[in-house]
Structures are given as structure tokens and as C-alpha cells.
Amino acid sequence: MNRIVIASNNPGKLRELAALLAPLGLEALAQADFHVGEAEEPHETFLENALAKARHASRATGLPALADDSGLCVRSLGGAPGVQSAYYAGRQGTREERDARNNAKLVEALRERADRSAFYYCVLVLLRAHDDPTPIVADGRWEGDIVLSARGSGGFGYDPYFQVESGMTAAQLAAEEKNRVSHRARALAALAARLSNVMPPSGA
């Protein structure tokens, strides 16, 4: 099995990506296993941030790296929270505390708005090495609407407020179902079609 480092310390993303990569014969390793901290994400686009994270993880570990940059884009808020999704309401506190503040801010911003349509967006960048001149890039989006009351206990981030076509929130979906239909799953499906041109043959 080929080994690949995941350029994230987000436990929710790590769980989802590991589950999605396993059927492809890829062993997903957390960058924290190599004592690699989070990369800076100073850029204004998901793609630039994903590239920065992948290069950081690959340079530190010497392994191929997969980086995900993703977020929630709400149309009536001009695409916000967007690339600031993780820190929409500030950087203080634990991940769980930030999630709670982010969701409270989002609900308050949309309370008086009729249009609450939104989409999750994910871009994946795969590098064979930190200086790979031809990164493999794929993206995916997941359409939905924001609800004003949390529903469900699964997922992470904005999932309890992100209602999908079935009428359930992302947090109400079984993990297997979410991993089949989410923005991250769609991006990875697009990436998987190109993996034969990226990863060396087993044993190479």
C-alpha cells in the first residue's frame, strides 16, 4: 500500500479522508504523526491555501502529500465564510469552541435573509514531492441550505446547519452516506481518476 501524508491536523477531515483513500489502496498518515504543525494559510483562495499546506507537509516528511482546503460559501453573504470558514468568528479557543462560535455567527447573519442557499466547496492538491512542478488538483461542491437550528450529532464544523437535498443536515447523515455524497468525496472521486498518473507503482 502506498503511504501518503494528509496535510491537516483536523480530526474530522483526517477521518473522512482516511476512509475515502483506503479503497484506493492508499494508507493515509496524519502529519501530526511526524510532529508536523499546521501550515500558514494566508491566501485568498482555497487552491493557494491547499498548495501551501501540501508543500509544507511534503517538505517536512519527504512523502507524497494530500492537502484539502474547504469551506462553506453562502451566496447571500457574498461567499462568506469561504476561506475563513474555520476562523469565521475568531481564532480563540478549542476547535469545538470555534465551531460553536462560527455557527452562532452564521445563524445570526442569516436570520433575516430569505436566501440561505449555500454550498460546501473542497479543493484537493496531491504532490509527489514538495517541489512537484505538476500538482494534481481536483475539486467538488455540495449544494444545500442553511437552517437556523442545529440538527444531528455527526460530522463537524457547519454540518448541523447544512441541510441537503434529502431534508437532512450533513450532521444527520451516516458517515458512510456523507462520505459518498459530500464535497470532499466528489473532489476525491475526481482525483482518483488521475492517481494512476501520480503515484508510482507499488514497490517502485
Protein backbone atom coordinates (compact mmCIF):
# COMPACT_ATOMS: atom_id res chain seq x y z
CA MET A 1 0.00 0.00 0.00
CA ASN A 2 1.31 3.46 -0.87
CA ARG A 3 1.76 5.88 2.01
CA ILE A 4 0.59 9.46 1.78
CA VAL A 5 0.65 12.17 4.41
CA ILE A 6 -2.51 14.20 4.98
CA ALA A 7 -1.67 17.88 5.38
CA SER A 8 -4.15 18.57 8.19
CA ASN A 9 -4.50 18.23 11.94
CA ASN A 10 -8.30 18.45 11.76
CA PRO A 11 -9.56 15.13 13.17
CA GLY A 12 -12.80 15.29 11.21
CA LYS A 13 -11.01 15.76 7.90
CA LEU A 14 -8.50 13.04 8.76
CA ARG A 15 -11.26 10.52 9.48
CA GLU A 16 -13.09 11.32 6.26
CA LEU A 17 -10.01 11.31 4.04
CA ALA A 18 -8.64 8.08 5.54
CA ALA A 19 -11.96 6.35 4.89
CA LEU A 20 -12.10 7.69 1.33
CA LEU A 21 -8.49 6.81 0.50
CA ALA A 22 -8.45 3.26 1.89
CA PRO A 23 -10.41 1.72 -1.03
CA LEU A 24 -7.84 3.27 -3.38
CA GLY A 25 -5.02 1.34 -1.70
CA LEU A 26 -3.57 4.43 -0.04
CA GLU A 27 -2.51 4.49 3.59
CA ALA A 28 -3.32 7.94 4.96
CA LEU A 29 -0.89 9.18 7.60
CA ALA A 30 -1.58 12.25 9.72
CA GLN A 31 1.08 14.93 9.55
CA ALA A 32 0.93 15.06 13.35
CA ASP A 33 2.42 11.53 13.36
CA PHE A 34 5.58 13.21 12.07
CA HIS A 35 5.29 16.15 14.51
CA VAL A 36 4.38 18.49 11.67
CA GLY A 37 2.31 21.50 12.69
CA GLU A 38 -0.32 23.31 10.67
CA ALA A 39 0.90 25.40 7.74
CA GLU A 40 0.13 29.07 7.39
CA GLU A 41 -2.92 29.76 5.21
CA PRO A 42 -2.56 33.41 4.26
CA HIS A 43 -4.09 33.22 0.82
CA GLU A 44 -7.42 34.37 -0.54
CA THR A 45 -8.30 31.22 -2.47
CA PHE A 46 -8.86 27.61 -1.46
CA LEU A 47 -6.40 26.45 -4.13
CA GLU A 48 -3.49 28.59 -2.95
CA ASN A 49 -4.01 27.50 0.65
CA ALA A 50 -4.18 23.83 -0.32
CA LEU A 51 -0.94 24.12 -2.29
CA ALA A 52 0.78 25.77 0.67
CA LYS A 53 -0.36 23.03 3.03
CA ALA A 54 0.66 20.20 0.71
CA ARG A 55 4.13 21.65 0.16
CA HIS A 56 4.60 22.17 3.89
CA ALA A 57 3.68 18.56 4.76
CA SER A 58 5.68 17.01 1.93
CA ARG A 59 8.78 19.07 2.67
CA ALA A 60 8.66 18.12 6.36
CA THR A 61 8.06 14.38 5.83
CA GLY A 62 9.64 13.54 2.48
CA LEU A 63 6.40 11.79 1.48
CA PRO A 64 3.72 12.48 -1.11
CA ALA A 65 1.18 14.81 0.46
CA LEU A 66 -2.52 15.40 0.03
CA ALA A 67 -3.97 18.69 1.18
CA ASP A 68 -7.59 19.66 1.44
CA ASP A 69 -8.79 23.23 1.69
CA SER A 70 -12.50 23.53 2.05
CA GLY A 71 -15.22 25.69 3.45
CA LEU A 72 -18.79 26.87 3.39
CA CYS A 73 -19.86 29.52 0.87
CA VAL A 74 -23.19 31.30 1.44
CA ARG A 75 -24.50 33.16 -1.59
CA SER A 76 -26.36 35.94 0.23
CA LEU A 77 -23.22 36.65 2.28
CA GLY A 78 -21.10 37.16 -0.82
CA GLY A 79 -19.49 33.74 -0.48
CA ALA A 80 -18.60 34.10 3.20
CA PRO A 81 -17.36 32.46 5.34
CA GLY A 82 -15.39 30.98 2.40
CA VAL A 83 -11.67 30.54 3.02
CA GLN A 84 -12.21 31.92 6.53
CA SER A 85 -14.67 29.15 7.41
CA ALA A 86 -12.54 27.66 10.20
CA TYR A 87 -11.97 31.06 11.85
CA TYR A 88 -15.12 32.94 10.85
CA ALA A 89 -15.73 34.08 14.43
CA GLY A 90 -12.09 34.26 15.57
CA ARG A 91 -9.15 32.02 16.39
CA GLN A 92 -9.54 31.74 20.14
CA GLY A 93 -10.41 28.51 21.93
CA THR A 94 -10.56 24.85 21.01
CA ARG A 95 -11.81 23.58 17.66
CA GLU A 96 -15.16 22.75 19.25
CA GLU A 97 -15.46 26.22 20.76
CA ARG A 98 -14.59 27.84 17.44
CA ASP A 99 -17.18 25.67 15.67
CA ALA A 100 -19.85 26.80 18.13
CA ARG A 101 -18.98 30.49 17.66
CA ASN A 102 -18.77 30.14 13.88
CA ASN A 103 -22.22 28.57 13.71
CA ALA A 104 -23.73 31.17 16.04
CA LYS A 105 -22.33 33.97 13.87
CA LEU A 106 -23.60 32.30 10.70
CA VAL A 107 -27.12 31.84 12.06
CA GLU A 108 -27.27 35.45 13.23
CA ALA A 109 -26.08 36.71 9.83
CA LEU A 110 -28.80 34.73 8.03
CA ARG A 111 -31.68 35.13 10.46
CA GLU A 112 -33.35 37.91 8.46
CA ARG A 113 -32.33 36.73 5.00
CA ALA A 114 -34.69 34.87 2.70
CA ASP A 115 -31.91 33.31 0.63
CA ARG A 116 -29.98 30.82 2.74
CA SER A 117 -28.64 28.73 -0.12
CA ALA A 118 -25.05 27.65 0.29
CA PHE A 119 -22.51 25.11 -0.83
CA TYR A 120 -19.58 23.34 0.68
CA TYR A 121 -16.51 23.56 -1.53
CA CYS A 122 -13.40 21.40 -1.43
CA VAL A 123 -10.18 21.52 -3.41
CA LEU A 124 -7.63 18.72 -3.11
CA VAL A 125 -3.98 19.03 -4.08
CA LEU A 126 -1.73 16.00 -4.37
CA LEU A 127 2.05 16.41 -4.59
CA ARG A 128 4.58 13.65 -5.19
CA ALA A 129 7.24 15.84 -3.57
CA HIS A 130 7.38 19.32 -2.10
CA ASP A 131 8.83 20.70 -5.33
CA ASP A 132 6.49 18.77 -7.65
CA PRO A 133 6.01 21.09 -10.65
CA THR A 134 2.80 19.37 -11.74
CA PRO A 135 0.46 19.10 -8.74
CA ILE A 136 -2.73 17.16 -9.27
CA VAL A 137 -5.77 19.28 -8.45
CA ALA A 138 -9.42 18.31 -8.15
CA ASP A 139 -12.42 19.99 -6.62
CA GLY A 140 -16.01 19.32 -5.66
CA ARG A 141 -19.02 21.12 -4.28
CA TRP A 142 -22.09 20.07 -2.28
CA GLU A 143 -25.21 22.20 -2.57
CA GLY A 144 -27.58 22.85 0.32
CA ASP A 145 -29.27 25.44 2.51
CA ILE A 146 -28.51 26.77 5.96
CA VAL A 147 -31.07 26.05 8.68
CA LEU A 148 -31.31 28.17 11.81
CA SER A 149 -31.45 25.32 14.33
CA ALA A 150 -28.86 22.58 14.68
CA ARG A 151 -29.87 19.05 13.80
CA GLY A 152 -27.76 15.91 14.16
CA SER A 153 -24.67 14.92 16.08
CA GLY A 154 -22.38 13.66 13.32
CA GLY A 155 -19.84 15.42 11.17
CA PHE A 156 -18.08 18.60 12.25
CA GLY A 157 -17.95 22.31 11.56
CA TYR A 158 -21.13 23.66 9.98
CA ASP A 159 -22.64 20.21 9.34
CA PRO A 160 -25.52 20.52 11.88
CA TYR A 161 -26.78 23.60 9.98
CA PHE A 162 -26.15 22.45 6.40
CA GLN A 163 -29.35 20.91 5.02
CA VAL A 164 -29.00 18.79 1.89
CA GLU A 165 -31.47 17.67 -0.76
CA SER A 166 -32.86 14.84 1.37
CA GLY A 167 -34.02 17.33 4.01
CA MET A 168 -31.45 16.07 6.49
CA THR A 169 -28.46 18.04 7.66
CA ALA A 170 -24.96 16.80 6.96
CA ALA A 171 -24.71 16.01 10.68
CA GLN A 172 -27.73 13.68 10.43
CA LEU A 173 -26.23 11.56 7.67
CA ALA A 174 -24.46 8.31 8.45
CA ALA A 175 -20.73 8.65 7.96
CA GLU A 176 -20.84 6.23 5.03
CA GLU A 177 -23.52 8.29 3.29
CA LYS A 178 -21.71 11.57 3.87
CA ASN A 179 -18.52 10.02 2.51
CA ARG A 180 -20.41 9.09 -0.64
CA VAL A 181 -22.03 12.44 -1.45
CA SER A 182 -20.02 15.22 0.21
CA HIS A 183 -17.90 17.88 -1.44
CA ARG A 184 -14.80 16.06 -0.20
CA ALA A 185 -16.00 12.75 -1.66
CA ARG A 186 -16.71 14.39 -5.00
CA ALA A 187 -13.29 16.03 -5.10
CA LEU A 188 -11.60 12.76 -4.21
CA ALA A 189 -13.54 10.87 -6.88
CA ALA A 190 -12.21 13.33 -9.45
CA LEU A 191 -8.71 12.95 -8.03
CA ALA A 192 -8.90 9.15 -8.01
CA ALA A 193 -9.37 9.10 -11.77
CA ARG A 194 -5.90 10.65 -12.12
CA LEU A 195 -4.00 8.75 -9.43
CA SER A 196 -2.50 6.24 -11.84
CA ASN A 197 -0.54 9.12 -13.36
CA VAL A 198 0.59 10.46 -9.97
CA MET A 199 1.55 7.62 -7.64
CA PRO A 200 4.44 5.29 -8.53
CA PRO A 201 3.59 1.58 -8.93
CA SER A 202 3.61 -0.42 -5.71
CA GLY A 203 7.17 -1.30 -4.82
CA ALA A 204 8.71 1.29 -7.10
